[in-house]
Protein backbone atom coordinates (compact mmCIF):
# COMPACT_ATOMS: atom_id res chain seq x y z
CA MET A 1 12.08 -16.92 -6.69
CA MET A 2 9.04 -17.66 -4.53
CA ASN A 3 5.92 -18.51 -6.38
CA MET A 4 2.55 -16.41 -6.04
CA THR A 5 0.60 -18.26 -3.18
CA GLU A 6 -3.40 -18.52 -4.20
CA THR A 7 -4.88 -15.95 -1.81
CA VAL A 8 -2.37 -13.21 -2.57
CA LYS A 9 -3.30 -14.04 -6.35
CA GLN A 10 -6.50 -13.74 -6.26
CA LEU A 11 -6.41 -10.13 -4.04
CA ILE A 12 -4.15 -8.74 -7.00
CA ILE A 13 -6.68 -9.68 -9.46
CA ILE A 14 -9.34 -7.91 -7.20
CA ASN A 15 -6.79 -4.54 -7.10
CA VAL A 16 -6.91 -4.91 -10.84
CA ILE A 17 -10.36 -5.46 -11.66
CA PHE A 18 -10.94 -2.59 -9.48
CA PHE A 19 -8.12 -0.02 -11.03
CA VAL A 20 -9.09 -0.94 -14.32
CA GLY A 21 -12.99 -0.88 -13.63
CA SER A 22 -12.59 3.00 -12.27
CA MET A 23 -11.05 3.90 -15.21
CA PHE A 24 -14.04 3.26 -17.69
CA VAL A 25 -16.23 4.26 -14.35
CA PRO A 26 -14.82 7.38 -13.03
CA ALA A 27 -17.34 7.61 -10.64
CA ALA A 28 -16.73 4.92 -8.50
CA GLY A 29 -14.28 6.78 -7.07
CA GLU A 30 -16.99 8.69 -5.27
CA PHE A 31 -18.30 5.65 -4.05
CA LEU A 32 -15.40 3.42 -3.47
CA SER A 33 -12.76 5.28 -2.07
CA LEU A 34 -12.62 6.05 2.08
CA PHE A 35 -14.32 9.73 2.71
CA TYR A 36 -14.05 11.68 6.09
CA PHE A 37 -17.15 9.92 8.00
CA GLU A 38 -18.75 13.63 8.42
CA ASN A 39 -18.31 14.14 5.07
CA PRO A 40 -21.88 13.06 2.77
CA ASN A 41 -20.11 11.27 0.57
CA PHE A 42 -18.66 8.62 2.94
CA LYS A 43 -20.35 4.66 2.72
CA VAL A 44 -20.18 2.54 5.14
CA TRP A 45 -18.58 0.05 2.96
CA GLN A 46 -15.65 2.40 1.81
CA PRO A 47 -13.58 1.36 5.00
CA LEU A 48 -13.23 -2.14 3.14
CA THR A 49 -13.65 -1.09 -0.33
CA HIS A 50 -10.46 2.00 -0.23
CA MET A 51 -8.32 -0.36 -0.06
CA PHE A 52 -8.89 -1.86 -3.75
CA MET A 53 -8.84 1.26 -5.51
CA HIS A 54 -5.59 3.24 -6.23
CA GLY A 55 -4.82 6.26 -7.51
CA GLY A 56 -2.50 5.56 -10.52
CA ILE A 57 -0.30 2.69 -12.47
CA MET A 58 2.70 3.63 -10.13
CA HIS A 59 0.26 3.42 -6.90
CA ILE A 60 -0.94 -0.04 -7.95
CA PHE A 61 2.32 -1.75 -9.02
CA PHE A 62 4.09 -0.59 -5.81
CA ASN A 63 1.36 -2.23 -3.49
CA MET A 64 0.95 -5.39 -5.91
CA PHE A 65 4.21 -6.10 -5.71
CA ALA A 66 4.77 -5.93 -2.05
CA LEU A 67 1.60 -7.95 -1.52
CA PHE A 68 3.33 -10.61 -3.94
CA SER A 69 6.99 -10.45 -2.07
CA PHE A 70 5.90 -10.39 1.63
CA GLY A 71 2.24 -11.53 1.37
CA SER A 72 3.67 -15.14 -0.80
CA ALA A 73 5.90 -15.72 2.30
CA LEU A 74 3.04 -15.58 4.89
CA GLU A 75 0.49 -17.37 3.31
CA GLN A 76 2.40 -19.86 2.85
CA PHE A 77 3.01 -20.42 6.82
CA TRP A 78 -0.49 -19.47 7.61
CA GLY A 79 -2.82 -20.22 5.21
CA GLY A 80 -5.16 -18.93 2.85
CA LYS A 81 -7.99 -18.09 5.81
CA LYS A 82 -5.70 -16.40 8.49
CA PHE A 83 -3.80 -14.64 5.92
CA ILE A 84 -7.00 -12.99 4.79
CA PHE A 85 -8.13 -12.43 7.90
CA PHE A 86 -4.99 -10.35 8.72
CA TYR A 87 -4.53 -8.52 5.48
CA ILE A 88 -8.08 -7.20 6.03
CA SER A 89 -8.05 -6.55 9.38
CA CYS A 90 -4.30 -4.26 9.14
CA GLY A 91 -6.51 -2.31 6.30
CA LEU A 92 -9.54 -1.87 8.18
CA GLY A 93 -6.74 -0.57 11.14
CA ALA A 94 -5.45 1.51 8.56
CA ALA A 95 -8.91 3.32 7.73
CA LEU A 96 -10.08 3.82 11.34
CA LEU A 97 -6.55 5.58 12.53
CA HIS A 98 -6.62 7.70 9.23
CA SER A 99 -10.21 8.40 10.11
CA ALA A 100 -9.09 9.31 13.97
CA VAL A 101 -6.53 11.89 12.86
CA ASN A 102 -9.02 13.62 9.87
CA TYR A 103 -11.29 14.01 12.75
CA PHE A 104 -8.72 15.64 15.32
CA SER A 105 -7.16 18.00 12.30
CA PHE A 106 -10.72 18.91 10.48
CA HIS A 107 -12.31 19.78 14.56
CA HIS A 108 -9.54 21.54 15.26
CA GLY A 109 -9.78 23.76 12.77
CA LEU A 110 -13.96 24.25 12.44
CA ASP A 111 -13.01 25.33 16.33
CA VAL A 112 -10.81 27.55 15.07
CA LEU A 113 -13.09 29.22 12.54
CA ILE A 114 -16.59 28.73 14.86
CA GLU A 115 -14.62 30.51 17.53
CA ASN A 116 -13.95 33.24 15.42
CA GLY A 117 -17.39 34.13 14.16
CA PHE A 118 -17.93 31.67 11.53
CA LYS A 119 -20.97 29.79 11.83
CA GLN A 120 -20.80 26.12 11.64
CA ASN A 121 -23.34 25.12 8.49
CA GLU A 122 -22.53 27.69 6.83
CA ILE A 123 -18.29 26.40 6.77
CA LEU A 124 -20.07 22.75 5.81
CA ALA A 125 -22.10 24.50 2.83
CA VAL A 126 -19.24 25.81 1.49
CA MET A 127 -16.80 22.95 2.06
CA SER A 128 -19.57 20.30 0.91
CA GLU A 129 -18.97 21.83 -2.79
CA GLY A 130 -15.59 21.23 -2.68
CA LYS A 131 -14.94 25.02 -1.77
CA TYR A 132 -13.25 26.59 1.02
CA ASP A 133 -12.76 30.40 2.11
CA THR A 134 -10.09 32.31 1.57
CA ARG A 135 -10.71 34.45 4.83
CA TRP A 136 -9.86 31.23 6.86
CA GLN A 137 -5.98 31.26 5.85
CA GLU A 138 -5.64 34.04 7.91
CA LEU A 139 -6.91 31.88 11.13
CA LEU A 140 -5.69 28.64 10.28
CA GLY A 141 -2.28 29.54 8.49
CA GLU A 142 -1.37 27.99 5.55
CA ASN A 143 -0.47 24.46 6.27
CA GLY A 144 -3.74 24.61 9.09
CA LEU A 145 -5.71 25.38 6.37
CA ILE A 146 -4.53 22.63 4.01
CA GLY A 147 -4.82 20.12 6.47
CA PHE A 148 -8.71 21.73 7.07
CA VAL A 149 -9.60 21.12 4.33
CA GLN A 150 -7.79 17.77 2.90
CA SER A 151 -9.13 15.83 6.11
CA TYR A 152 -12.45 16.63 4.88
CA MET A 153 -12.85 16.45 1.13
CA THR A 154 -9.87 14.00 -0.05
CA PRO A 155 -10.86 10.98 0.05
CA ALA A 156 -7.90 7.75 0.81
CA VAL A 157 -7.85 5.43 -1.51
CA GLY A 158 -5.16 2.15 -1.59
CA ALA A 159 -3.92 -1.59 0.28
CA SER A 160 -0.71 0.67 1.64
CA GLY A 161 -2.02 0.42 5.33
CA ALA A 162 -2.75 -3.76 4.70
CA ILE A 163 0.67 -3.83 2.93
CA TYR A 164 2.27 -2.13 6.18
CA GLY A 165 0.38 -4.57 8.29
CA LEU A 166 2.09 -7.12 6.12
CA LEU A 167 5.49 -5.36 6.60
CA VAL A 168 5.36 -5.23 10.30
CA ALA A 169 4.62 -9.51 9.95
CA PHE A 170 7.13 -10.43 7.88
CA ALA A 171 9.52 -8.65 10.10
CA PHE A 172 7.94 -10.46 13.19
CA MET A 173 8.24 -13.71 11.34
CA PHE A 174 11.33 -13.39 9.29
CA PRO A 175 13.45 -10.33 11.21
CA ASN A 176 17.11 -11.49 9.44
CA ALA A 177 15.54 -11.69 6.18
CA GLU A 178 17.79 -9.41 4.04
CA LEU A 179 15.45 -7.07 1.57
CA ALA A 180 17.07 -5.69 -1.55
CA LEU A 181 16.16 -2.41 -2.10
CA MET A 182 15.61 0.43 -4.92
CA PHE A 183 17.07 3.12 -3.54
CA ILE A 184 19.63 1.31 -0.68
CA PRO A 185 22.81 0.31 -2.43
CA VAL A 186 23.46 -2.44 0.79
CA PRO A 187 20.87 -5.14 1.85
CA VAL A 188 18.48 -4.31 4.98
CA LYS A 189 17.59 -6.85 7.32
CA ALA A 190 13.59 -6.77 7.78
CA LYS A 191 14.04 -6.10 12.08
CA TYR A 192 15.74 -2.60 10.70
CA PHE A 193 14.28 -1.87 7.26
CA VAL A 194 10.44 -2.19 9.10
CA PRO A 195 10.67 0.57 11.86
CA GLY A 196 12.86 2.39 10.25
CA LEU A 197 10.31 3.40 7.60
CA LEU A 198 7.35 3.50 10.24
CA VAL A 199 9.43 6.09 11.87
CA LEU A 200 10.08 8.21 8.75
CA ASP A 201 6.29 7.84 8.07
CA LEU A 202 5.71 8.97 11.41
CA TYR A 203 7.74 11.78 11.10
CA LEU A 204 6.37 12.80 7.21
CA GLY A 205 2.60 12.54 9.44
CA LEU A 206 3.15 14.67 11.94
CA THR A 207 5.02 17.53 9.66
CA GLY A 208 3.32 17.51 7.13
CA LYS A 209 6.36 17.17 4.78
CA SER A 210 7.67 14.80 1.75
CA ILE A 211 11.34 13.67 1.06
CA PHE A 212 10.29 14.65 -2.60
CA GLY A 213 9.17 18.25 -1.49
CA GLY A 214 6.03 19.76 -1.62
CA ALA A 215 2.54 18.09 -0.68
CA SER A 216 3.03 14.69 -0.60
CA GLY A 217 -0.57 13.18 -0.80
CA ILE A 218 0.02 10.04 1.25
CA ALA A 219 -2.00 9.33 3.42
CA HIS A 220 1.04 8.16 6.17
CA PHE A 221 -1.75 7.21 9.30
CA ALA A 222 -3.47 4.78 7.47
CA HIS A 223 0.54 3.28 7.01
CA ILE A 224 1.02 3.45 11.13
CA GLY A 225 -2.45 2.23 11.64
CA GLY A 226 -2.20 -1.03 9.39
CA ALA A 227 1.28 -1.21 11.41
CA ILE A 228 -0.33 -1.06 14.39
CA ILE A 229 -2.97 -3.73 14.01
CA GLY A 230 -0.60 -6.12 12.41
CA PHE A 231 1.92 -5.61 15.61
CA ILE A 232 -1.11 -5.97 17.97
CA MET A 233 -2.49 -9.13 15.65
CA MET A 234 1.51 -10.55 15.60
CA TRP A 235 2.41 -10.40 19.20
CA TYR A 236 -1.17 -11.81 20.64
CA TRP A 237 -0.32 -14.35 17.89
CA LYS A 238 3.15 -14.95 19.49
CA ARG A 239 1.90 -15.05 22.52
CA ASN A 240 -0.43 -17.42 21.90
CA GLN A 241 1.20 -19.97 19.26
CA PHE A 242 0.32 -23.05 21.15
CA ASN A 243 -3.46 -22.96 20.34
CA GLN A 244 -3.61 -25.23 17.30
CA ASN A 245 -7.23 -25.00 16.93
CA ARG A 246 -8.06 -21.16 16.32
CA TRP A 247 -7.90 -21.63 12.64
CA ASP A 248 -9.39 -24.96 11.99
């Protein structure tokens, strides 16, 4: 079994500290989770700190297991500096795309409501209290109302966006590595598993569906954002792989 590398170990320790700390200081979620940038609860540090927050024990367990499994292999090849730069960049990319999609969802709903006689300041005043007007559903529809409200009110937490970047990097570097997955009876090569996972995330993000039924509560576009940044960085590094001075 692969040994845990130093930077990966430090990241896991930080994530655990944040997770345990948030259990004793519940208000930490309001300051460290990623809120929509037009929400009064948004703070400039949240695009970074949100990736160290988690919503439950299984959430942090799976993310940290993936960080150990894929991150250690990558850090052994890259070294700690390059690895942490890649990891944080993917996490920030996840926050950026997640926020952009929320902006589109929120402002689409807001425009519809304003066009039908509601005033923007009144809408924002209601939502700033964590509430919504049931009349909005008549104009937005049930799914539209859910997307409108969640995009403004629901904060994002978790390292998943950064983890998806690691998955893309792993598939770049070890495309034929066979991954033994819990719910699939046969090993799947990384070059098939990672694209398939991204297609599934994109489908679920666009449709708002969940593979388990009901509301997913998963920031699928944060996953996609982390994966996109991971792909861009891997493509750039592969193209410039003979530049040995970048990380001196």
